[in-house]
Amino acid sequence: MMNTAPPSKWYHNLWFVLVMLFVVLGPFGLPLLWKSPHFTRPWKWVLTTLTVLYTVWLTAASIHLVEAVYRRTQELLGVFP
């Protein structure tokens, strides 16, 4: 009798998890990563670190963009009272 592992869930697919981490969900995709059997523990730590750094960078870039738009709006309001 063969002991076969049950098929993996579709949401544990390697590419699906990576897209969720870096394109759609960011840190909210980390539970998918940690429950997925397709990644080893060291890779889970590497991807967790990259996800956190990527999220921090995106947050800082968003803040910078909002500040730039606010400054430009204030300049335009000074020109057109």
C-alpha atoms as a PDB file:
ATOM      1  CA  MET A   1       0.000   0.000   0.000  1.00  0.00           C
ATOM      2  CA  MET A   2       1.397   3.385  -1.030  1.00  0.00           C
ATOM      3  CA  ASN A   3       1.287   6.287   1.352  1.00  0.00           C
ATOM      4  CA  THR A   4       0.742   9.315  -0.848  1.00  0.00           C
ATOM      5  CA  ALA A   5       0.509  12.833   0.480  1.00  0.00           C
ATOM      6  CA  PRO A   6      -2.730  14.661  -0.208  1.00  0.00           C
ATOM      7  CA  PRO A   7      -2.536  17.169  -3.047  1.00  0.00           C
ATOM      8  CA  SER A   8      -1.553  20.673  -2.091  1.00  0.00           C
ATOM      9  CA  LYS A   9      -4.216  23.375  -1.920  1.00  0.00           C
ATOM     10  CA  TRP A  10      -4.322  25.855  -4.816  1.00  0.00           C
ATOM     11  CA  TYR A  11      -3.531  28.743  -2.472  1.00  0.00           C
ATOM     12  CA  HIS A  12      -0.280  27.069  -1.426  1.00  0.00           C
ATOM     13  CA  ASN A  13       1.045  27.225  -4.990  1.00  0.00           C
ATOM     14  CA  LEU A  14       4.515  28.795  -5.053  1.00  0.00           C
ATOM     15  CA  TRP A  15       3.693  31.518  -7.603  1.00  0.00           C
ATOM     16  CA  PHE A  16       0.360  32.336  -6.016  1.00  0.00           C
ATOM     17  CA  VAL A  17       2.004  32.910  -2.633  1.00  0.00           C
ATOM     18  CA  LEU A  18       4.741  35.102  -4.149  1.00  0.00           C
ATOM     19  CA  VAL A  19       2.212  37.229  -6.057  1.00  0.00           C
ATOM     20  CA  MET A  20       0.123  37.645  -2.908  1.00  0.00           C
ATOM     21  CA  LEU A  21       3.194  38.722  -0.920  1.00  0.00           C
ATOM     22  CA  PHE A  22       4.702  41.215  -3.344  1.00  0.00           C
ATOM     23  CA  VAL A  23       1.809  42.438  -5.506  1.00  0.00           C
ATOM     24  CA  VAL A  24      -1.517  42.087  -3.736  1.00  0.00           C
ATOM     25  CA  LEU A  25      -1.433  41.607   0.021  1.00  0.00           C
ATOM     26  CA  GLY A  26       2.022  42.472   1.298  1.00  0.00           C
ATOM     27  CA  PRO A  27       2.393  41.479   4.944  1.00  0.00           C
ATOM     28  CA  PHE A  28      -1.182  40.155   5.021  1.00  0.00           C
ATOM     29  CA  GLY A  29       0.044  37.347   2.747  1.00  0.00           C
ATOM     30  CA  LEU A  30       2.512  36.082   5.350  1.00  0.00           C
ATOM     31  CA  PRO A  31       0.083  33.482   6.776  1.00  0.00           C
ATOM     32  CA  LEU A  32      -0.155  31.978   3.276  1.00  0.00           C
ATOM     33  CA  LEU A  33       3.626  31.766   3.154  1.00  0.00           C
ATOM     34  CA  TRP A  34       4.004  30.169   6.575  1.00  0.00           C
ATOM     35  CA  LYS A  35       1.266  27.585   5.961  1.00  0.00           C
ATOM     36  CA  SER A  36       2.561  26.630   2.522  1.00  0.00           C
ATOM     37  CA  PRO A  37       4.441  23.315   2.374  1.00  0.00           C
ATOM     38  CA  HIS A  38       6.341  24.443  -0.753  1.00  0.00           C
ATOM     39  CA  PHE A  39       8.811  26.646   1.129  1.00  0.00           C
ATOM     40  CA  THR A  40      11.505  25.559   3.560  1.00  0.00           C
ATOM     41  CA  ARG A  41      11.834  27.349   6.899  1.00  0.00           C
ATOM     42  CA  PRO A  42      14.938  29.340   5.795  1.00  0.00           C
ATOM     43  CA  TRP A  43      13.105  30.515   2.655  1.00  0.00           C
ATOM     44  CA  LYS A  44      10.103  31.487   4.732  1.00  0.00           C
ATOM     45  CA  TRP A  45      12.351  33.698   6.875  1.00  0.00           C
ATOM     46  CA  VAL A  46      14.031  35.227   3.817  1.00  0.00           C
ATOM     47  CA  LEU A  47      10.685  35.975   2.152  1.00  0.00           C
ATOM     48  CA  THR A  48       9.245  37.342   5.404  1.00  0.00           C
ATOM     49  CA  THR A  49      12.199  39.721   5.747  1.00  0.00           C
ATOM     50  CA  LEU A  50      11.908  40.812   2.104  1.00  0.00           C
ATOM     51  CA  THR A  51       8.168  41.370   2.491  1.00  0.00           C
ATOM     52  CA  VAL A  52       8.663  43.540   5.567  1.00  0.00           C
ATOM     53  CA  LEU A  53      11.426  45.583   3.896  1.00  0.00           C
ATOM     54  CA  TYR A  54       9.345  45.973   0.725  1.00  0.00           C
ATOM     55  CA  THR A  55       6.351  47.124   2.770  1.00  0.00           C
ATOM     56  CA  VAL A  56       8.440  49.666   4.685  1.00  0.00           C
ATOM     57  CA  TRP A  57       9.880  50.992   1.417  1.00  0.00           C
ATOM     58  CA  LEU A  58       6.424  51.275  -0.188  1.00  0.00           C
ATOM     59  CA  THR A  59       5.085  53.076   2.875  1.00  0.00           C
ATOM     60  CA  ALA A  60       7.988  55.570   2.866  1.00  0.00           C
ATOM     61  CA  ALA A  61       7.580  56.151  -0.884  1.00  0.00           C
ATOM     62  CA  SER A  62       3.845  56.746  -0.440  1.00  0.00           C
ATOM     63  CA  ILE A  63       4.450  59.270   2.337  1.00  0.00           C
ATOM     64  CA  HIS A  64       7.033  61.055   0.196  1.00  0.00           C
ATOM     65  CA  LEU A  65       4.588  61.183  -2.736  1.00  0.00           C
ATOM     66  CA  VAL A  66       1.777  62.610  -0.606  1.00  0.00           C
ATOM     67  CA  GLU A  67       4.131  65.259   0.808  1.00  0.00           C
ATOM     68  CA  ALA A  68       5.265  66.229  -2.705  1.00  0.00           C
ATOM     69  CA  VAL A  69       1.684  66.517  -3.947  1.00  0.00           C
ATOM     70  CA  TYR A  70       0.753  68.603  -0.896  1.00  0.00           C
ATOM     71  CA  ARG A  71       3.708  70.977  -1.467  1.00  0.00           C
ATOM     72  CA  ARG A  72       2.867  71.341  -5.153  1.00  0.00           C
ATOM     73  CA  THR A  73      -0.789  72.011  -4.330  1.00  0.00           C
ATOM     74  CA  GLN A  74       0.238  74.738  -1.888  1.00  0.00           C
ATOM     75  CA  GLU A  75       2.463  76.289  -4.575  1.00  0.00           C
ATOM     76  CA  LEU A  76      -0.388  76.290  -7.080  1.00  0.00           C
ATOM     77  CA  LEU A  77      -2.784  77.801  -4.571  1.00  0.00           C
ATOM     78  CA  GLY A  78      -0.262  80.612  -4.068  1.00  0.00           C
ATOM     79  CA  VAL A  79      -0.190  81.293  -7.797  1.00  0.00           C
ATOM     80  CA  PHE A  80      -3.987  81.076  -8.250  1.00  0.00           C
ATOM     81  CA  PRO A  81      -5.597  82.645  -5.161  1.00  0.00           C
END
